[in-house]
C-alpha atoms as a PDB file:
ATOM      1  CA  GLN A   1      41.673 -30.794 -45.313  1.00  0.00           C
ATOM      2  CA  VAL A   2      40.447 -27.223 -45.141  1.00  0.00           C
ATOM      3  CA  GLN A   3      42.579 -24.782 -43.156  1.00  0.00           C
ATOM      4  CA  LEU A   4      41.748 -21.159 -42.441  1.00  0.00           C
ATOM      5  CA  VAL A   5      44.164 -18.614 -41.033  1.00  0.00           C
ATOM      6  CA  GLU A   6      42.889 -15.241 -39.872  1.00  0.00           C
ATOM      7  CA  SER A   7      45.168 -12.243 -39.409  1.00  0.00           C
ATOM      8  CA  GLY A   8      45.100  -8.467 -39.244  1.00  0.00           C
ATOM      9  CA  GLY A   9      43.619  -7.897 -35.819  1.00  0.00           C
ATOM     10  CA  GLY A  10      45.040  -5.432 -33.354  1.00  0.00           C
ATOM     11  CA  LEU A  11      44.512  -2.678 -30.817  1.00  0.00           C
ATOM     12  CA  VAL A  12      43.062   0.509 -32.291  1.00  0.00           C
ATOM     13  CA  GLN A  13      41.145   3.590 -31.230  1.00  0.00           C
ATOM     14  CA  ALA A  14      37.524   4.334 -31.997  1.00  0.00           C
ATOM     15  CA  GLY A  15      37.181   5.654 -35.539  1.00  0.00           C
ATOM     16  CA  ASP A  16      40.201   3.761 -36.846  1.00  0.00           C
ATOM     17  CA  SER A  17      40.202   1.081 -39.511  1.00  0.00           C
ATOM     18  CA  LEU A  18      41.519  -2.465 -39.773  1.00  0.00           C
ATOM     19  CA  ARG A  19      41.561  -5.060 -42.522  1.00  0.00           C
ATOM     20  CA  LEU A  20      41.255  -8.678 -41.523  1.00  0.00           C
ATOM     21  CA  SER A  21      42.383 -11.515 -43.762  1.00  0.00           C
ATOM     22  CA  CYS A  22      41.199 -15.097 -43.940  1.00  0.00           C
ATOM     23  CA  LYS A  23      43.562 -17.205 -46.016  1.00  0.00           C
ATOM     24  CA  ALA A  24      42.205 -20.593 -47.000  1.00  0.00           C
ATOM     25  CA  SER A  25      43.894 -23.765 -48.113  1.00  0.00           C
ATOM     26  CA  GLY A  26      42.353 -27.042 -49.158  1.00  0.00           C
ATOM     27  CA  ARG A  27      39.269 -25.427 -50.656  1.00  0.00           C
ATOM     28  CA  SER A  28      38.612 -22.472 -52.908  1.00  0.00           C
ATOM     29  CA  VAL A  29      37.014 -19.403 -51.312  1.00  0.00           C
ATOM     30  CA  SER A  30      35.088 -18.915 -54.546  1.00  0.00           C
ATOM     31  CA  SER A  31      33.541 -22.381 -54.434  1.00  0.00           C
ATOM     32  CA  GLU A  32      31.081 -21.527 -51.665  1.00  0.00           C
ATOM     33  CA  GLY A  33      30.329 -18.882 -49.114  1.00  0.00           C
ATOM     34  CA  VAL A  34      32.847 -17.621 -46.580  1.00  0.00           C
ATOM     35  CA  THR A  35      31.481 -16.074 -43.428  1.00  0.00           C
ATOM     36  CA  TRP A  36      32.983 -13.816 -40.789  1.00  0.00           C
ATOM     37  CA  TYR A  37      31.766 -14.139 -37.217  1.00  0.00           C
ATOM     38  CA  ARG A  38      32.847 -12.480 -34.022  1.00  0.00           C
ATOM     39  CA  GLN A  39      32.692 -13.361 -30.368  1.00  0.00           C
ATOM     40  CA  ALA A  40      32.926 -10.774 -27.635  1.00  0.00           C
ATOM     41  CA  PRO A  41      33.975 -11.768 -24.092  1.00  0.00           C
ATOM     42  CA  GLY A  42      31.173 -13.608 -22.344  1.00  0.00           C
ATOM     43  CA  LYS A  43      28.933 -13.540 -25.396  1.00  0.00           C
ATOM     44  CA  GLU A  44      27.935 -15.923 -28.150  1.00  0.00           C
ATOM     45  CA  ARG A  45      29.575 -16.009 -31.548  1.00  0.00           C
ATOM     46  CA  VAL A  46      27.536 -13.858 -33.944  1.00  0.00           C
ATOM     47  CA  PHE A  47      27.333 -13.307 -37.664  1.00  0.00           C
ATOM     48  CA  VAL A  48      29.216 -10.369 -39.147  1.00  0.00           C
ATOM     49  CA  ALA A  49      29.288 -10.772 -42.923  1.00  0.00           C
ATOM     50  CA  VAL A  50      29.236 -13.351 -45.698  1.00  0.00           C
ATOM     51  CA  ILE A  51      30.340 -13.460 -49.314  1.00  0.00           C
ATOM     52  CA  GLY A  52      28.658 -16.084 -51.442  1.00  0.00           C
ATOM     53  CA  HIS A  53      30.220 -18.098 -54.236  1.00  0.00           C
ATOM     54  CA  LEU A  54      28.725 -15.691 -56.778  1.00  0.00           C
ATOM     55  CA  GLY A  55      30.077 -12.704 -54.876  1.00  0.00           C
ATOM     56  CA  THR A  56      26.848 -11.682 -53.192  1.00  0.00           C
ATOM     57  CA  THR A  57      27.437 -10.072 -49.818  1.00  0.00           C
ATOM     58  CA  LEU A  58      25.343  -9.747 -46.686  1.00  0.00           C
ATOM     59  CA  TYR A  59      26.078  -7.934 -43.421  1.00  0.00           C
ATOM     60  CA  GLY A  60      24.908  -7.934 -39.868  1.00  0.00           C
ATOM     61  CA  ASP A  61      22.921  -4.865 -38.885  1.00  0.00           C
ATOM     62  CA  SER A  62      25.542  -3.620 -36.446  1.00  0.00           C
ATOM     63  CA  VAL A  63      28.279  -3.434 -39.096  1.00  0.00           C
ATOM     64  CA  LYS A  64      26.286  -2.460 -42.184  1.00  0.00           C
ATOM     65  CA  GLY A  65      27.783   0.607 -43.840  1.00  0.00           C
ATOM     66  CA  ARG A  66      31.071   0.292 -41.938  1.00  0.00           C
ATOM     67  CA  PHE A  67      32.421  -3.144 -42.881  1.00  0.00           C
ATOM     68  CA  THR A  68      33.082  -4.526 -46.345  1.00  0.00           C
ATOM     69  CA  ILE A  69      33.739  -8.165 -47.189  1.00  0.00           C
ATOM     70  CA  SER A  70      35.657  -9.070 -50.325  1.00  0.00           C
ATOM     71  CA  ARG A  71      37.814 -11.824 -51.716  1.00  0.00           C
ATOM     72  CA  ASP A  72      40.873 -12.370 -53.866  1.00  0.00           C
ATOM     73  CA  ASN A  73      40.527 -15.611 -55.795  1.00  0.00           C
ATOM     74  CA  ALA A  74      44.175 -15.504 -56.881  1.00  0.00           C
ATOM     75  CA  THR A  75      45.414 -15.714 -53.274  1.00  0.00           C
ATOM     76  CA  ASN A  76      42.392 -17.660 -51.992  1.00  0.00           C
ATOM     77  CA  THR A  77      41.827 -15.018 -49.336  1.00  0.00           C
ATOM     78  CA  VAL A  78      38.737 -13.296 -47.992  1.00  0.00           C
ATOM     79  CA  TYR A  79      39.046  -9.859 -46.437  1.00  0.00           C
ATOM     80  CA  LEU A  80      36.993  -7.870 -43.971  1.00  0.00           C
ATOM     81  CA  GLN A  81      37.611  -4.137 -44.215  1.00  0.00           C
ATOM     82  CA  MET A  82      36.433  -2.517 -41.008  1.00  0.00           C
ATOM     83  CA  ASN A  83      36.056   1.259 -40.916  1.00  0.00           C
ATOM     84  CA  ASN A  84      34.895   3.638 -38.208  1.00  0.00           C
ATOM     85  CA  LEU A  85      35.507   1.029 -35.551  1.00  0.00           C
ATOM     86  CA  LYS A  86      33.655   1.285 -32.264  1.00  0.00           C
ATOM     87  CA  PRO A  87      34.440  -0.157 -28.829  1.00  0.00           C
ATOM     88  CA  GLU A  88      31.519  -2.548 -29.264  1.00  0.00           C
ATOM     89  CA  ASP A  89      33.368  -4.103 -32.224  1.00  0.00           C
ATOM     90  CA  THR A  90      35.870  -5.538 -29.753  1.00  0.00           C
ATOM     91  CA  ALA A  91      35.859  -9.315 -30.203  1.00  0.00           C
ATOM     92  CA  ILE A  92      37.694 -12.271 -31.604  1.00  0.00           C
ATOM     93  CA  TYR A  93      36.923 -12.488 -35.305  1.00  0.00           C
ATOM     94  CA  TYR A  94      36.645 -15.869 -36.988  1.00  0.00           C
ATOM     95  CA  CYS A  95      36.117 -16.933 -40.575  1.00  0.00           C
ATOM     96  CA  ASN A  96      34.209 -20.025 -41.616  1.00  0.00           C
ATOM     97  CA  LEU A  97      34.254 -22.041 -44.819  1.00  0.00           C
ATOM     98  CA  ASN A  98      32.331 -25.254 -45.233  1.00  0.00           C
ATOM     99  CA  LEU A  99      31.910 -25.674 -41.463  1.00  0.00           C
ATOM    100  CA  ASN A 100      35.645 -25.181 -40.858  1.00  0.00           C
ATOM    101  CA  TRP A 101      36.909 -22.482 -38.491  1.00  0.00           C
ATOM    102  CA  GLY A 102      40.133 -20.587 -38.211  1.00  0.00           C
ATOM    103  CA  GLN A 103      41.840 -19.804 -34.909  1.00  0.00           C
ATOM    104  CA  GLY A 104      40.519 -16.245 -34.821  1.00  0.00           C
ATOM    105  CA  THR A 105      42.137 -12.830 -34.628  1.00  0.00           C
ATOM    106  CA  GLN A 106      41.628 -10.386 -31.774  1.00  0.00           C
ATOM    107  CA  VAL A 107      40.287  -6.906 -32.436  1.00  0.00           C
ATOM    108  CA  THR A 108      40.277  -4.434 -29.569  1.00  0.00           C
ATOM    109  CA  VAL A 109      38.860  -0.949 -29.973  1.00  0.00           C
ATOM    110  CA  THR A 110      39.407   1.631 -27.258  1.00  0.00           C
ATOM    111  CA  SER A 111      37.308   4.735 -26.772  1.00  0.00           C
END
């Protein structure tokens, strides 16, 4: 049984940084890709970033250059470093591994 627990969200001002964590159990984060998504109020869940099993990364256009995805195989955790946050980054952030979802973590950015 795969379980994912996101953490690290919060209320910040525009220009601040946050680091989200996605801790996995039941499956290795290095065995396949782990993806971050986000869902803003009233909108669909959208792709943010992915790290493949070989470590290849890919980002959505709106976060490219500001967000960095990484992983720690020793702790089976994937991170999302978010810099220069903008109000439009406000959303619930979810991680996904092998079609399993975490409960999400709220990020709110004020102007």
